[in-house]
Amino acid sequence: MSYLRKSPRQQRAAATFEAIVEAAAHILRTSGGRAMTTNAIAARAGVSIGSLYQYFPNKQAIIRALVEREFARVERVRPAAIDEAQVKGDVVRAVVDWHFDIRGHDPALAANLGAIVDDVLPEPERKKIAALRRERVGRTVGRLVGDAANGSRTHAAFVIDTCLNAIANEALRRRPQLLKSQVFRAEVTALLLGYVGDGAVQESARGKLGSGATGTPSSTSSRASSKLASP
């Protein structure tokens, strides 16, 4: 954490540090980025402004710590099936469950944190955060598309990530309860299986899909049992 003035080493210091970060999350969640000043954060955390500045040189550093905390939380809840399951349908369902669990966990914080990152953090910091996210998406997509060529994997990462985010965004905007629906998750899983199942990504990269290729509900269902190549 090179952006900090100092890292907490003792238990009491760690508790103060976490209280500051949690206070920032609360203000961001409930009042938005404009209200997230260092004075407001210190007051919410119950610490002096001097204690806050012992660890954080500015508001940008608190935002960076909050981003890192959220990234760590996302990794902690990553389903083991994404990396261990051998049936592609199980991997896709695990990805859908993970994404919808993440997006449904604290949507107000996620939306406001994304906005303040774009508005406040300098470009080098934004690039670091974007790189971390690309790595996470790429690692996940690698389990879905197997040995597809690099270009196909890049396109697949974009398609899958955009698809899941668009669905989650609309669900949060119009029908938030859908994110918890097992039936809805199964339908999104079937949608993605139509793209990644039975080498569809590789075929599309070679320009073979769309030229006489057809898909039926039965063929989509059969894809759910196709085996993954060894990771």
Protein backbone atom coordinates (compact mmCIF):
# COMPACT_ATOMS: atom_id res chain seq x y z
CA MET A 1 0.00 0.00 0.00
CA SER A 2 2.49 2.59 -1.17
CA TYR A 3 -0.20 5.27 -1.29
CA LEU A 4 -0.47 5.28 2.54
CA ARG A 5 1.53 7.47 4.91
CA LYS A 6 2.01 4.41 7.07
CA SER A 7 0.47 0.95 7.34
CA PRO A 8 -1.26 -0.13 10.55
CA ARG A 9 0.84 -2.71 12.39
CA GLN A 10 -0.81 -3.20 15.75
CA GLN A 11 -4.34 -4.42 16.40
CA ARG A 12 -5.57 -1.06 17.65
CA ALA A 13 -4.11 0.73 14.64
CA ALA A 14 -5.69 -1.82 12.30
CA ALA A 15 -9.07 -1.22 13.95
CA THR A 16 -8.71 2.54 13.45
CA PHE A 17 -7.68 2.04 9.83
CA GLU A 18 -10.67 -0.22 9.14
CA ALA A 19 -13.04 2.19 10.89
CA ILE A 20 -11.88 4.98 8.57
CA VAL A 21 -12.36 2.86 5.46
CA GLU A 22 -15.77 1.65 6.62
CA ALA A 23 -16.82 5.23 7.41
CA ALA A 24 -15.86 6.23 3.87
CA ALA A 25 -17.92 3.33 2.51
CA HIS A 26 -20.95 4.36 4.59
CA ILE A 27 -20.82 7.97 3.45
CA LEU A 28 -20.29 6.97 -0.16
CA ARG A 29 -23.16 4.47 0.02
CA THR A 30 -25.67 6.78 1.66
CA SER A 31 -24.70 10.28 0.54
CA GLY A 32 -22.50 9.96 -2.54
CA GLY A 33 -19.05 11.18 -3.44
CA ARG A 34 -19.61 14.90 -2.81
CA ALA A 35 -20.24 14.23 0.87
CA MET A 36 -17.12 12.09 1.26
CA THR A 37 -14.69 14.62 2.74
CA THR A 38 -11.89 13.72 5.10
CA ASN A 39 -13.59 15.66 7.92
CA ALA A 40 -16.84 13.78 7.37
CA ILE A 41 -15.02 10.45 7.25
CA ALA A 42 -13.14 11.16 10.49
CA ALA A 43 -16.35 12.22 12.24
CA ARG A 44 -18.19 9.11 11.09
CA ALA A 45 -15.28 6.87 12.14
CA GLY A 46 -15.08 8.52 15.55
CA VAL A 47 -11.42 9.51 15.16
CA SER A 48 -9.62 12.83 15.01
CA ILE A 49 -8.65 14.27 11.65
CA GLY A 50 -5.05 13.93 12.80
CA SER A 51 -5.51 10.17 13.29
CA LEU A 52 -6.93 9.90 9.78
CA TYR A 53 -3.95 11.74 8.31
CA GLN A 54 -1.55 9.41 10.10
CA TYR A 55 -2.52 6.75 7.55
CA PHE A 56 -4.04 8.59 4.61
CA PRO A 57 -2.44 11.66 3.00
CA ASN A 58 -5.68 12.60 1.23
CA LYS A 59 -9.12 11.43 0.17
CA GLN A 60 -7.71 9.70 -2.91
CA ALA A 61 -5.76 7.32 -0.67
CA ILE A 62 -8.94 6.40 1.22
CA ILE A 63 -10.69 5.67 -2.07
CA ARG A 64 -7.78 3.46 -3.13
CA ALA A 65 -7.97 1.55 0.17
CA LEU A 66 -11.71 1.10 -0.30
CA VAL A 67 -11.18 -0.20 -3.84
CA GLU A 68 -8.60 -2.70 -2.58
CA ARG A 69 -10.98 -3.85 0.15
CA GLU A 70 -13.72 -4.42 -2.40
CA PHE A 71 -11.38 -6.34 -4.72
CA ALA A 72 -10.34 -8.55 -1.80
CA ARG A 73 -13.98 -9.19 -0.87
CA VAL A 74 -14.83 -10.15 -4.44
CA GLU A 75 -11.97 -12.66 -4.50
CA ARG A 76 -13.01 -14.15 -1.16
CA VAL A 77 -16.46 -15.01 -2.49
CA ARG A 78 -15.19 -16.41 -5.81
CA PRO A 79 -16.85 -19.86 -6.13
CA ALA A 80 -14.41 -22.77 -6.18
CA ALA A 81 -16.39 -24.25 -9.07
CA ILE A 82 -15.05 -21.58 -11.43
CA ASP A 83 -11.57 -23.06 -11.11
CA GLU A 84 -12.37 -26.67 -10.25
CA ALA A 85 -15.52 -27.80 -12.07
CA GLN A 86 -15.00 -29.95 -15.16
CA VAL A 87 -18.45 -29.50 -16.72
CA LYS A 88 -18.68 -26.25 -18.65
CA GLY A 89 -22.27 -25.64 -17.61
CA ASP A 90 -21.21 -25.75 -13.95
CA VAL A 91 -18.44 -23.24 -14.58
CA VAL A 92 -20.77 -20.85 -16.42
CA ARG A 93 -23.38 -21.10 -13.64
CA ALA A 94 -20.69 -20.40 -11.02
CA VAL A 95 -19.61 -17.30 -12.98
CA VAL A 96 -23.22 -16.07 -13.20
CA ASP A 97 -23.80 -16.70 -9.49
CA TRP A 98 -20.56 -14.92 -8.56
CA HIS A 99 -21.29 -11.89 -10.73
CA PHE A 100 -24.88 -11.49 -9.54
CA ASP A 101 -23.88 -12.00 -5.88
CA ILE A 102 -21.22 -9.29 -6.26
CA ARG A 103 -23.54 -6.85 -8.01
CA GLY A 104 -26.42 -7.47 -5.62
CA HIS A 105 -24.34 -7.23 -2.44
CA ASP A 106 -24.10 -3.44 -2.11
CA PRO A 107 -25.24 -1.79 -5.35
CA ALA A 108 -25.28 1.79 -4.03
CA LEU A 109 -21.69 1.53 -2.84
CA ALA A 110 -20.58 -0.13 -6.08
CA ALA A 111 -22.18 2.56 -8.25
CA ASN A 112 -20.89 5.48 -6.21
CA LEU A 113 -17.42 3.99 -5.82
CA GLY A 114 -17.14 3.52 -9.58
CA ALA A 115 -18.19 7.13 -10.14
CA ILE A 116 -15.76 8.61 -7.61
CA VAL A 117 -12.88 6.52 -8.96
CA ASP A 118 -13.50 8.05 -12.37
CA ASP A 119 -13.90 11.57 -11.01
CA VAL A 120 -11.20 11.78 -8.34
CA LEU A 121 -8.37 9.32 -8.87
CA PRO A 122 -5.52 10.30 -11.19
CA GLU A 123 -5.13 8.42 -14.44
CA PRO A 124 -2.25 6.15 -13.29
CA GLU A 125 -4.39 4.93 -10.37
CA ARG A 126 -7.39 4.36 -12.63
CA LYS A 127 -5.20 2.35 -14.98
CA LYS A 128 -3.98 0.17 -12.10
CA ILE A 129 -7.56 -0.54 -11.04
CA ALA A 130 -8.60 -1.28 -14.62
CA ALA A 131 -5.65 -3.66 -15.00
CA LEU A 132 -6.65 -5.56 -11.85
CA ARG A 133 -10.18 -5.92 -13.14
CA ARG A 134 -9.00 -7.06 -16.59
CA GLU A 135 -6.83 -9.70 -14.94
CA ARG A 136 -9.79 -11.00 -12.95
CA VAL A 137 -12.07 -11.08 -15.98
CA GLY A 138 -9.38 -12.70 -18.14
CA ARG A 139 -8.69 -15.40 -15.56
CA THR A 140 -12.38 -16.22 -15.41
CA VAL A 141 -12.93 -16.15 -19.17
CA GLY A 142 -9.97 -18.49 -19.60
CA ARG A 143 -12.00 -21.16 -17.80
CA LEU A 144 -14.91 -20.62 -20.17
CA VAL A 145 -13.22 -20.57 -23.57
CA GLY A 146 -10.36 -22.99 -22.97
CA ASP A 147 -7.65 -22.92 -25.63
CA ALA A 148 -9.19 -20.26 -27.86
CA ALA A 149 -6.72 -18.00 -29.64
CA ASN A 150 -5.68 -14.81 -27.88
CA GLY A 151 -7.87 -12.66 -30.12
CA SER A 152 -10.87 -14.85 -29.38
CA ARG A 153 -10.18 -14.69 -25.65
CA THR A 154 -10.02 -10.89 -25.79
CA HIS A 155 -13.32 -10.71 -27.64
CA ALA A 156 -14.88 -13.29 -25.32
CA ALA A 157 -13.81 -11.33 -22.25
CA PHE A 158 -15.48 -8.23 -23.67
CA VAL A 159 -18.67 -10.05 -24.72
CA ILE A 160 -19.13 -11.98 -21.47
CA ASP A 161 -18.27 -9.08 -19.18
CA THR A 162 -20.48 -6.65 -21.12
CA CYS A 163 -23.35 -9.13 -21.22
CA LEU A 164 -23.29 -9.83 -17.48
CA ASN A 165 -22.90 -6.16 -16.56
CA ALA A 166 -25.70 -5.05 -18.87
CA ILE A 167 -28.07 -7.67 -17.46
CA ALA A 168 -27.13 -6.83 -13.87
CA ASN A 169 -27.45 -3.08 -14.48
CA GLU A 170 -30.93 -3.41 -15.96
CA ALA A 171 -32.03 -5.81 -13.23
CA LEU A 172 -30.84 -3.40 -10.53
CA ARG A 173 -32.59 -0.52 -12.26
CA ARG A 174 -35.89 -2.24 -12.98
CA ARG A 175 -36.25 -5.51 -11.05
CA PRO A 176 -33.54 -5.99 -8.39
CA GLN A 177 -35.13 -9.19 -7.11
CA LEU A 178 -34.16 -10.93 -10.36
CA LEU A 179 -30.53 -11.07 -9.27
CA LYS A 180 -31.52 -13.51 -6.52
CA SER A 181 -33.86 -15.59 -8.68
CA GLN A 182 -32.53 -19.10 -9.37
CA VAL A 183 -34.71 -19.35 -12.48
CA PHE A 184 -33.32 -16.07 -13.84
CA ARG A 185 -29.76 -17.18 -13.13
CA ALA A 186 -30.41 -20.43 -14.99
CA GLU A 187 -31.71 -18.46 -17.99
CA VAL A 188 -28.61 -16.25 -18.07
CA THR A 189 -26.45 -19.38 -17.77
CA ALA A 190 -28.20 -20.85 -20.82
CA LEU A 191 -27.64 -17.59 -22.70
CA LEU A 192 -23.88 -17.66 -22.05
CA LEU A 193 -23.65 -21.37 -22.83
CA GLY A 194 -24.98 -20.55 -26.26
CA TYR A 195 -21.87 -18.42 -26.75
CA VAL A 196 -19.12 -20.43 -25.04
CA GLY A 197 -20.46 -23.96 -25.49
CA ASP A 198 -19.01 -26.51 -27.92
CA GLY A 199 -16.30 -24.24 -29.27
CA ALA A 200 -18.62 -21.46 -30.37
CA VAL A 201 -16.04 -18.82 -29.48
CA GLN A 202 -13.37 -20.55 -31.56
CA GLU A 203 -15.74 -21.01 -34.49
CA SER A 204 -16.83 -17.38 -34.43
CA ALA A 205 -13.18 -16.30 -34.48
CA ARG A 206 -12.69 -18.31 -37.67
CA GLY A 207 -15.75 -16.67 -39.19
CA LYS A 208 -17.71 -19.91 -39.35
CA LEU A 209 -20.66 -18.89 -37.24
CA GLY A 210 -23.44 -17.05 -39.01
CA SER A 211 -22.80 -18.75 -42.35
CA GLY A 212 -25.35 -21.52 -42.23
CA ALA A 213 -24.72 -22.47 -38.61
CA THR A 214 -27.86 -23.11 -36.63
CA GLY A 215 -28.65 -23.54 -32.98
CA THR A 216 -31.59 -25.25 -31.35
CA PRO A 217 -32.71 -25.50 -27.74
CA SER A 218 -31.66 -29.14 -27.65
CA SER A 219 -28.16 -28.36 -28.92
CA THR A 220 -27.82 -25.58 -26.34
CA SER A 221 -28.82 -27.98 -23.58
CA SER A 222 -26.30 -30.56 -24.71
CA ARG A 223 -23.53 -27.99 -24.39
CA ALA A 224 -24.05 -27.83 -20.64
CA SER A 225 -22.46 -31.26 -20.28
CA SER A 226 -19.43 -30.63 -22.48
CA LYS A 227 -16.13 -31.22 -20.70
CA LEU A 228 -13.55 -28.54 -20.15
CA ALA A 229 -9.97 -28.97 -21.22
CA SER A 230 -7.59 -29.29 -18.29
CA PRO A 231 -6.77 -25.81 -16.98
